[in-house]
Amino acid sequence: MSNATNTQARREQRRKQLFTNKSTHMVQKYLRRMRELGSMPDEMSPFFDVLDRVYVQGQDVRRPQGTKTVGTYCVQVPHELVYAAGAQPVKLCSGHYTAFSIGDDVVARDACPLVKAIAGFKHMGTLPVYENCSLMVVPTTCDCKKKIAGLLQEMCPVHILPIPANKEDEDVERFVEELYGLAHAISRVTGRAITCESLSDAVNRTGYAQRELSRFLNIKRHTINALYGTHAMVAMNAASYLDADAWAHAMCSLNDALERRARTNERVTHKDLPRIMITGSPIVFPNLKIPLLIEETGGIVVADETCMGQRGMSDPVVPTDSSFDGLMRALAIRALRPCPCPTFANNEQRLYRLRQMIRDLHVEGVVYHVLRGCLVYDYEYRLVEEELERLGIPVIRLESDYTDQDVEQLRIRTEAFVEMIKLKKGPLQAIRD
């Protein structure tokens, strides 16, 4: 090997080490801030531990020896198909500041921060959860996702999953065909065919996690200030790197702890804090600065309507029959019909879901989060604003990216919004469905 080649290799190694050091420092800082909110049950530890293991210790997800991982993006990818083929799904959407800064030099300037962070990790090649994937499944939920699929294809096998713009019967039928193609692609990678029995088992497996999530949401609905919203979002994000059984087991333990707390009237705070919902662009670990700012400035996040929150796991698979085709059709219907993602042309369901969550969780204000460059969510802000105005619920639009440079500006605006709600606090107006 020539001296020039050796020099170039050393430079690249130093660059990767600098990237890793900056990345580790940033993640540790955010994990520390999240823990410092206080009043956290010990049963939150498994969720923090998995995020620390993946992003600070640089380890791959835990899985049985020989089990392959399939990377997924967006909630429309049925994880049941991955489990049924003997693999483990890993959700690879990223909120990483350091990877974002690298991706800024790799993809288009106006691409959204989430896509830039994905590109940054793949470009640097330092994070095992990305590097060890045997396949990545990329749904066509926005233009940036379509283009990042092309970039990822240069680095690893990619399956592009077309998402229809509508939810009519013919759209569902076409999507069923796409899921058959996805099932074949996953089986080709794992060497294991998906059978009716393995798919049914996978549906039951994810159903266990959904039942524990439903129990968690019910506790939050009936117990005021049961848990800080930032901690709830940590638990939701940890599902990206845990298999369904492990996440459900950890959530079951947390639910037991929260129920014990409720019986003794133990809460994260007994103050009557403004109850805030977050909606809009996904809030992905470690970019949890928005919920942190809300709760550090005197509010409490009681609802997370983003696709990294409860939305991705709330809707169960409901087969009309137990045949293989019946299960595939049920997966397609679950991915499309109840999904309020703005990738769909008609998104009335999102307004209905927002009204429902506002009513059930006694929401007093809404933070509409927009990632810079995330046009599909930004486009819907006006519709959401008009609906919230009709309901008498104040809303603020916060635009940000994956840097710390806007934190103080966001802090000032968030604090003013929280203080405004404190001044206006009163009985929640009746909400018409």
Protein backbone atom coordinates (compact mmCIF):
# COMPACT_ATOMS: atom_id res chain seq x y z
CA MET A 1 0.00 0.00 0.00
CA SER A 2 1.42 3.41 -0.98
CA ASN A 3 2.19 6.23 1.46
CA ALA A 4 -0.57 8.33 -0.09
CA THR A 5 -3.09 5.56 0.44
CA ASN A 6 -1.93 5.08 4.04
CA THR A 7 -2.24 8.81 4.71
CA GLN A 8 -5.75 8.89 3.24
CA ALA A 9 -6.77 5.89 5.34
CA ARG A 10 -5.47 7.54 8.52
CA ARG A 11 -7.35 10.75 7.72
CA GLU A 12 -10.56 8.82 7.18
CA GLN A 13 -10.05 6.94 10.43
CA ARG A 14 -9.48 10.21 12.34
CA ARG A 15 -12.58 11.69 10.71
CA LYS A 16 -14.69 8.73 11.78
CA GLN A 17 -13.29 8.87 15.30
CA LEU A 18 -14.07 12.60 15.54
CA PHE A 19 -17.60 11.88 14.29
CA THR A 20 -18.05 9.12 16.88
CA ASN A 21 -16.73 11.31 19.73
CA LYS A 22 -19.02 14.23 18.84
CA SER A 23 -21.95 11.88 18.38
CA THR A 24 -21.41 10.18 21.74
CA HIS A 25 -21.06 13.49 23.58
CA MET A 26 -24.27 14.87 22.06
CA VAL A 27 -26.35 11.76 22.85
CA GLN A 28 -25.02 11.61 26.42
CA LYS A 29 -26.00 15.25 26.91
CA TYR A 30 -29.59 14.60 25.84
CA LEU A 31 -29.92 11.41 27.83
CA ARG A 32 -28.71 13.32 30.90
CA ARG A 33 -31.24 16.13 30.35
CA MET A 34 -34.04 13.60 29.99
CA ARG A 35 -33.10 11.85 33.22
CA GLU A 36 -32.80 15.19 35.04
CA LEU A 37 -36.51 15.85 34.60
CA GLY A 38 -36.81 13.64 37.69
CA SER A 39 -39.66 11.55 39.14
CA MET A 40 -38.86 8.76 36.69
CA PRO A 41 -39.85 5.20 37.66
CA ASP A 42 -36.98 2.73 37.76
CA GLU A 43 -38.90 0.74 35.15
CA MET A 44 -37.96 3.37 32.54
CA SER A 45 -34.37 2.08 32.64
CA PRO A 46 -34.70 -0.55 29.84
CA PHE A 47 -35.80 2.14 27.39
CA PHE A 48 -32.90 4.45 28.29
CA ASP A 49 -30.49 1.51 28.28
CA VAL A 50 -31.26 0.45 24.70
CA LEU A 51 -30.80 4.00 23.39
CA ASP A 52 -27.50 4.27 25.29
CA ARG A 53 -26.39 0.88 23.97
CA VAL A 54 -27.10 1.77 20.33
CA TYR A 55 -25.95 5.41 20.22
CA VAL A 56 -23.31 5.72 22.98
CA GLN A 57 -21.79 2.24 23.19
CA GLY A 58 -22.17 1.70 19.43
CA GLN A 59 -23.63 -1.80 19.72
CA ASP A 60 -26.05 -3.54 17.39
CA VAL A 61 -29.58 -4.50 18.47
CA ARG A 62 -29.81 -7.64 20.56
CA ARG A 63 -31.22 -10.60 18.67
CA PRO A 64 -30.78 -14.39 18.52
CA GLN A 65 -27.59 -15.52 16.83
CA GLY A 66 -28.06 -15.84 13.09
CA THR A 67 -31.13 -13.58 13.01
CA LYS A 68 -30.89 -10.89 10.33
CA THR A 69 -32.18 -7.34 10.71
CA VAL A 70 -34.36 -5.44 8.27
CA GLY A 71 -34.26 -1.64 8.44
CA THR A 72 -37.58 0.16 8.03
CA TYR A 73 -38.67 3.76 7.58
CA CYS A 74 -42.18 5.12 8.29
CA VAL A 75 -45.10 3.37 9.96
CA GLN A 76 -46.54 1.88 6.75
CA VAL A 77 -43.99 -0.98 6.72
CA PRO A 78 -45.64 -4.00 8.42
CA HIS A 79 -43.15 -5.35 10.95
CA GLU A 80 -45.23 -8.54 11.05
CA LEU A 81 -43.79 -9.55 7.67
CA VAL A 82 -40.25 -9.14 8.99
CA TYR A 83 -40.94 -11.28 12.07
CA ALA A 84 -42.76 -13.88 9.97
CA ALA A 85 -39.65 -14.31 7.81
CA GLY A 86 -37.47 -14.93 10.87
CA ALA A 87 -35.82 -11.48 10.92
CA GLN A 88 -35.94 -8.53 13.32
CA PRO A 89 -37.16 -5.09 12.22
CA VAL A 90 -35.15 -2.00 13.15
CA LYS A 91 -36.67 1.42 12.58
CA LEU A 92 -33.91 3.63 11.16
CA CYS A 93 -35.46 7.11 11.14
CA SER A 94 -32.96 9.33 12.91
CA GLY A 95 -32.92 12.58 14.85
CA HIS A 96 -29.13 12.69 15.15
CA TYR A 97 -27.46 16.12 15.12
CA THR A 98 -23.96 14.99 14.14
CA ALA A 99 -25.16 12.68 11.37
CA PHE A 100 -27.38 15.52 10.12
CA SER A 101 -24.36 17.77 9.74
CA ILE A 102 -22.58 15.10 7.64
CA GLY A 103 -25.70 14.46 5.58
CA ASP A 104 -25.93 18.18 4.84
CA ASP A 105 -22.93 17.68 2.52
CA VAL A 106 -24.30 14.48 0.97
CA VAL A 107 -27.91 15.25 -0.02
CA ALA A 108 -29.76 18.30 -1.34
CA ARG A 109 -29.54 21.45 0.77
CA ASP A 110 -33.33 21.70 1.24
CA ALA A 111 -33.85 18.04 2.16
CA CYS A 112 -35.42 17.50 5.57
CA PRO A 113 -33.13 16.92 8.60
CA LEU A 114 -34.38 13.36 9.11
CA VAL A 115 -33.26 12.33 5.63
CA LYS A 116 -29.96 14.16 6.05
CA ALA A 117 -29.29 12.25 9.29
CA ILE A 118 -30.04 8.93 7.56
CA ALA A 119 -27.64 9.85 4.76
CA GLY A 120 -25.01 10.96 7.29
CA PHE A 121 -24.99 7.64 9.11
CA LYS A 122 -24.77 5.63 5.91
CA HIS A 123 -22.01 7.88 4.60
CA MET A 124 -19.89 7.56 7.74
CA GLY A 125 -20.51 3.83 8.24
CA THR A 126 -20.00 3.92 11.99
CA LEU A 127 -23.33 2.81 13.50
CA PRO A 128 -23.85 -0.98 13.61
CA VAL A 129 -27.68 -0.81 13.46
CA TYR A 130 -27.31 0.74 9.99
CA GLU A 131 -24.30 -1.20 8.80
CA ASN A 132 -25.55 -4.65 9.76
CA CYS A 133 -28.96 -4.46 8.08
CA SER A 134 -29.47 -7.16 5.45
CA LEU A 135 -32.23 -5.13 3.77
CA MET A 136 -33.76 -1.67 4.04
CA VAL A 137 -37.44 -1.06 3.26
CA VAL A 138 -38.19 2.51 2.21
CA PRO A 139 -41.84 3.59 1.68
CA THR A 140 -42.49 6.38 -0.82
CA THR A 141 -44.17 8.66 1.73
CA CYS A 142 -42.50 11.85 0.49
CA ASP A 143 -40.12 13.03 -2.23
CA CYS A 144 -37.14 13.00 0.14
CA LYS A 145 -37.78 9.35 1.07
CA LYS A 146 -37.93 8.42 -2.62
CA LYS A 147 -34.55 10.03 -3.26
CA ILE A 148 -32.89 8.65 -0.13
CA ALA A 149 -33.90 5.17 -1.33
CA GLY A 150 -31.73 5.71 -4.40
CA LEU A 151 -28.80 6.81 -2.24
CA LEU A 152 -29.16 3.85 0.12
CA GLN A 153 -29.18 1.45 -2.84
CA GLU A 154 -25.55 2.35 -3.46
CA MET A 155 -24.66 1.02 -0.01
CA CYS A 156 -26.98 -1.91 0.76
CA PRO A 157 -29.98 -3.85 -0.65
CA VAL A 158 -33.13 -1.69 -0.64
CA HIS A 159 -36.78 -2.52 -1.28
CA ILE A 160 -38.90 0.47 -2.28
CA LEU A 161 -42.49 0.18 -1.02
CA PRO A 162 -44.89 2.37 -3.05
CA ILE A 163 -47.57 4.02 -0.89
CA PRO A 164 -50.85 5.01 -2.60
CA ALA A 165 -52.09 8.59 -2.31
CA ASN A 166 -55.63 7.46 -1.45
CA LYS A 167 -57.32 4.77 0.65
CA GLU A 168 -60.09 3.54 -1.64
CA ASP A 169 -60.73 -0.16 -2.21
CA GLU A 170 -58.66 -0.22 -5.40
CA ASP A 171 -55.75 1.45 -3.55
CA VAL A 172 -55.90 -1.21 -0.84
CA GLU A 173 -55.88 -3.94 -3.48
CA ARG A 174 -52.78 -2.50 -5.13
CA PHE A 175 -51.07 -2.21 -1.76
CA VAL A 176 -51.84 -5.86 -0.98
CA GLU A 177 -49.90 -6.73 -4.15
CA GLU A 178 -47.01 -4.52 -2.98
CA LEU A 179 -46.96 -6.34 0.36
CA TYR A 180 -46.72 -9.69 -1.43
CA GLY A 181 -43.67 -8.29 -3.25
CA LEU A 182 -42.21 -7.08 0.05
CA ALA A 183 -42.78 -10.48 1.66
CA HIS A 184 -40.91 -12.13 -1.21
CA ALA A 185 -38.01 -9.65 -0.89
CA ILE A 186 -37.65 -10.27 2.86
CA SER A 187 -37.84 -14.05 2.43
CA ARG A 188 -35.16 -13.89 -0.26
CA VAL A 189 -32.84 -12.18 2.24
CA THR A 190 -33.58 -14.44 5.21
CA GLY A 191 -33.92 -17.70 3.26
CA ARG A 192 -37.14 -18.45 5.12
CA ALA A 193 -40.57 -18.49 3.48
CA ILE A 194 -43.42 -16.63 5.15
CA THR A 195 -46.25 -19.06 5.89
CA CYS A 196 -49.76 -18.53 7.16
CA GLU A 197 -48.69 -19.92 10.53
CA SER A 198 -45.56 -17.74 10.87
CA LEU A 199 -47.52 -14.63 9.83
CA SER A 200 -50.30 -15.40 12.30
CA ASP A 201 -47.71 -15.82 15.06
CA ALA A 202 -46.12 -12.49 14.10
CA VAL A 203 -49.51 -10.73 14.25
CA ASN A 204 -50.04 -12.13 17.76
CA ARG A 205 -46.54 -11.05 18.74
CA THR A 206 -47.03 -7.42 17.74
CA GLY A 207 -50.53 -7.58 19.22
CA TYR A 208 -49.01 -8.16 22.67
CA ALA A 209 -47.01 -4.95 22.31
CA GLN A 210 -50.11 -3.08 21.13
CA ARG A 211 -52.10 -4.28 24.14
CA GLU A 212 -49.43 -2.99 26.52
CA LEU A 213 -49.38 0.32 24.64
CA SER A 214 -53.17 0.52 24.99
CA ARG A 215 -52.82 -0.11 28.71
CA PHE A 216 -50.15 2.61 28.93
CA LEU A 217 -52.37 5.13 27.14
CA ASN A 218 -55.31 4.22 29.39
CA ILE A 219 -53.19 4.89 32.47
CA LYS A 220 -52.16 8.28 31.09
CA ARG A 221 -55.79 9.04 30.27
CA HIS A 222 -57.03 8.38 33.80
CA THR A 223 -54.04 9.42 35.90
CA ILE A 224 -53.09 13.10 35.85
CA ASN A 225 -49.33 13.67 35.46
CA ALA A 226 -48.53 9.95 35.60
CA LEU A 227 -45.32 10.37 33.57
CA TYR A 228 -43.43 13.17 31.87
CA GLY A 229 -44.19 13.23 28.15
CA THR A 230 -40.47 13.29 27.33
CA HIS A 231 -40.06 9.97 29.14
CA ALA A 232 -43.06 8.54 27.29
CA MET A 233 -41.40 9.58 24.01
CA VAL A 234 -38.18 7.85 25.10
CA ALA A 235 -40.19 4.64 25.57
CA MET A 236 -41.81 5.02 22.13
CA ASN A 237 -38.45 5.66 20.43
CA ALA A 238 -36.87 2.67 22.18
CA ALA A 239 -39.33 0.44 20.29
CA SER A 240 -37.19 1.09 17.19
CA TYR A 241 -34.35 -1.02 18.62
CA LEU A 242 -36.15 -3.67 20.68
CA ASP A 243 -38.06 -6.64 19.33
CA ALA A 244 -41.80 -6.63 20.00
CA ASP A 245 -41.58 -9.11 22.90
CA ALA A 246 -38.79 -7.25 24.70
CA TRP A 247 -40.51 -3.88 24.29
CA ALA A 248 -43.86 -5.27 25.46
CA HIS A 249 -42.20 -6.86 28.51
CA ALA A 250 -40.52 -3.55 29.42
CA MET A 251 -43.77 -1.65 28.87
CA CYS A 252 -45.68 -4.16 31.01
CA SER A 253 -43.26 -3.52 33.90
CA LEU A 254 -43.61 0.25 33.44
CA ASN A 255 -47.42 -0.03 33.40
CA ASP A 256 -47.35 -2.05 36.63
CA ALA A 257 -45.19 0.66 38.23
CA LEU A 258 -47.47 3.46 37.04
CA GLU A 259 -50.53 1.66 38.38
CA ARG A 260 -48.83 1.24 41.77
CA ARG A 261 -48.02 4.96 41.74
CA ALA A 262 -51.62 5.82 40.88
CA ARG A 263 -52.90 3.84 43.89
CA THR A 264 -50.66 5.88 46.23
CA ASN A 265 -51.31 9.17 44.37
CA GLU A 266 -47.63 9.41 43.39
CA ARG A 267 -47.15 11.64 40.35
CA VAL A 268 -44.28 13.32 38.54
CA THR A 269 -45.72 16.59 39.86
CA HIS A 270 -48.80 17.67 41.79
CA LYS A 271 -48.77 21.10 40.12
CA ASP A 272 -51.56 21.98 37.70
CA LEU A 273 -49.29 22.31 34.67
CA PRO A 274 -50.48 23.32 31.18
CA ARG A 275 -51.30 20.11 29.29
CA ILE A 276 -49.61 20.15 25.88
CA MET A 277 -49.99 17.95 22.80
CA ILE A 278 -47.21 17.65 20.21
CA THR A 279 -48.16 17.00 16.60
CA GLY A 280 -46.58 17.54 13.18
CA SER A 281 -43.22 16.26 11.94
CA PRO A 282 -41.74 13.23 13.71
CA ILE A 283 -39.68 13.81 16.84
CA VAL A 284 -36.96 11.19 16.71
CA PHE A 285 -34.30 10.38 19.29
CA PRO A 286 -32.03 12.07 20.18
CA ASN A 287 -33.73 15.22 18.82
CA LEU A 288 -36.17 15.52 21.70
CA LYS A 289 -35.46 19.20 22.29
CA ILE A 290 -39.10 20.26 21.75
CA PRO A 291 -40.66 18.08 24.50
CA LEU A 292 -37.71 18.86 26.77
CA LEU A 293 -38.22 22.60 26.30
CA ILE A 294 -41.95 22.29 27.00
CA GLU A 295 -41.35 20.42 30.25
CA GLU A 296 -38.34 22.46 31.31
CA THR A 297 -40.37 25.67 30.95
CA GLY A 298 -43.34 24.59 33.05
CA GLY A 299 -45.64 22.55 30.82
CA ILE A 300 -46.25 18.82 30.56
CA VAL A 301 -46.54 16.82 27.35
CA VAL A 302 -49.64 14.64 27.69
CA ALA A 303 -50.02 13.57 24.04
CA ASP A 304 -47.65 12.78 21.17
CA GLU A 305 -49.49 12.50 17.85
CA THR A 306 -46.33 12.23 15.75
CA CYS A 307 -45.49 9.06 13.80
CA MET A 308 -42.70 8.22 16.26
CA GLY A 309 -45.26 8.24 19.07
CA GLN A 310 -48.28 6.07 19.68
CA ARG A 311 -49.50 6.36 16.07
CA GLY A 312 -47.12 3.70 14.80
CA MET A 313 -48.46 1.03 17.17
CA SER A 314 -52.00 2.06 18.05
CA ASP A 315 -53.97 0.35 15.30
CA PRO A 316 -54.14 -3.46 15.55
CA VAL A 317 -54.28 -5.93 12.67
CA VAL A 318 -57.86 -7.24 12.36
CA PRO A 319 -58.11 -10.14 9.87
CA THR A 320 -61.51 -10.94 8.41
CA ASP A 321 -60.39 -14.53 7.93
CA SER A 322 -57.37 -16.59 9.01
CA SER A 323 -56.09 -17.43 5.52
CA PHE A 324 -52.73 -16.10 4.31
CA ASP A 325 -54.47 -13.70 1.94
CA GLY A 326 -56.78 -12.58 4.75
CA LEU A 327 -53.78 -11.75 6.93
CA MET A 328 -52.03 -9.87 4.11
CA ARG A 329 -55.19 -7.90 3.40
CA ALA A 330 -55.52 -7.05 7.09
CA LEU A 331 -51.92 -5.75 7.12
CA ALA A 332 -52.66 -3.56 4.08
CA ILE A 333 -55.85 -2.16 5.60
CA ARG A 334 -54.11 -1.41 8.91
CA ALA A 335 -51.26 0.41 7.11
CA LEU A 336 -53.60 2.61 5.07
CA ARG A 337 -57.13 3.10 6.37
CA PRO A 338 -56.57 4.39 9.95
CA CYS A 339 -53.23 6.07 9.19
CA PRO A 340 -53.39 9.90 9.47
CA CYS A 341 -50.06 10.49 7.70
CA PRO A 342 -50.15 13.60 5.45
CA THR A 343 -48.77 11.54 2.58
CA PHE A 344 -52.43 10.74 1.84
CA ALA A 345 -54.42 13.22 -0.26
CA ASN A 346 -57.48 13.12 2.00
CA ASN A 347 -56.47 13.36 5.63
CA GLU A 348 -59.74 14.03 7.46
CA GLN A 349 -58.92 11.20 9.86
CA ARG A 350 -56.07 13.20 11.30
CA LEU A 351 -58.41 15.98 12.41
CA TYR A 352 -60.74 13.40 13.95
CA ARG A 353 -57.84 11.78 15.82
CA LEU A 354 -56.63 15.15 17.09
CA ARG A 355 -60.12 15.98 18.40
CA GLN A 356 -60.32 12.60 20.09
CA MET A 357 -56.92 12.96 21.80
CA ILE A 358 -57.67 16.53 22.89
CA ARG A 359 -60.89 15.35 24.51
CA ASP A 360 -59.51 12.20 26.14
CA LEU A 361 -56.32 13.78 27.49
CA HIS A 362 -57.72 17.21 28.38
CA VAL A 363 -55.24 19.00 26.15
CA GLU A 364 -54.96 22.75 26.75
CA GLY A 365 -52.48 23.71 24.02
CA VAL A 366 -50.89 22.23 20.90
CA VAL A 367 -47.31 22.55 19.67
CA TYR A 368 -47.18 21.94 15.91
CA HIS A 369 -43.64 20.81 15.15
CA VAL A 370 -42.27 21.31 11.62
CA LEU A 371 -38.89 19.99 10.55
CA ARG A 372 -37.35 22.47 8.13
CA GLY A 373 -37.99 21.06 4.64
CA CYS A 374 -40.82 18.72 5.76
CA LEU A 375 -43.41 20.04 3.31
CA VAL A 376 -46.14 17.43 3.84
CA TYR A 377 -46.57 18.35 7.51
CA ASP A 378 -46.05 22.07 6.95
CA TYR A 379 -48.76 22.02 4.28
CA GLU A 380 -51.33 20.72 6.79
CA TYR A 381 -50.62 23.31 9.48
CA ARG A 382 -53.33 25.68 8.26
CA LEU A 383 -56.00 22.94 8.38
CA VAL A 384 -54.99 21.93 11.91
CA GLU A 385 -54.81 25.57 13.03
CA GLU A 386 -58.34 26.26 11.77
CA GLU A 387 -59.70 23.14 13.53
CA LEU A 388 -58.00 24.04 16.82
CA GLU A 389 -59.27 27.60 16.61
CA ARG A 390 -62.79 26.21 16.26
CA LEU A 391 -62.19 24.12 19.41
CA GLY A 392 -60.72 27.04 21.34
CA ILE A 393 -57.33 25.33 21.72
CA PRO A 394 -54.25 27.59 21.34
CA VAL A 395 -51.56 26.36 18.93
CA ILE A 396 -47.99 27.41 18.14
CA ARG A 397 -45.94 26.39 15.10
CA LEU A 398 -42.31 25.62 15.95
CA GLU A 399 -39.95 25.08 13.02
CA SER A 400 -36.53 23.57 13.69
CA ASP A 401 -33.83 21.27 12.40
CA TYR A 402 -31.22 19.04 14.03
CA THR A 403 -28.96 21.67 15.57
CA ASP A 404 -28.65 23.38 18.94
CA GLN A 405 -28.38 26.82 17.34
CA ASP A 406 -32.11 27.54 17.57
CA VAL A 407 -32.63 26.22 21.10
CA GLU A 408 -32.73 29.59 22.88
CA GLN A 409 -35.13 31.08 20.34
CA LEU A 410 -37.35 28.01 20.70
CA ARG A 411 -37.08 28.24 24.49
CA ILE A 412 -38.32 31.85 24.50
CA ARG A 413 -41.29 31.06 22.25
CA THR A 414 -42.15 27.85 24.14
CA GLU A 415 -41.98 29.58 27.52
CA ALA A 416 -44.24 32.38 26.30
CA PHE A 417 -46.75 29.82 24.96
CA VAL A 418 -46.77 27.89 28.26
CA GLU A 419 -47.23 31.13 30.24
CA MET A 420 -50.12 32.16 27.97
CA ILE A 421 -51.91 28.88 28.70
CA LYS A 422 -51.34 29.36 32.44
CA LEU A 423 -53.08 32.72 32.20
CA LYS A 424 -56.00 31.28 30.25
CA LYS A 425 -56.40 28.02 32.17
CA GLY A 426 -59.96 27.09 32.90
CA PRO A 427 -62.49 24.34 32.24
CA LEU A 428 -61.94 22.60 28.94
CA GLN A 429 -64.60 23.54 26.43
CA ALA A 430 -66.88 20.80 25.20
CA ILE A 431 -65.60 19.34 21.96
CA ARG A 432 -68.05 18.30 19.30
CA ASP A 433 -67.11 15.15 17.41
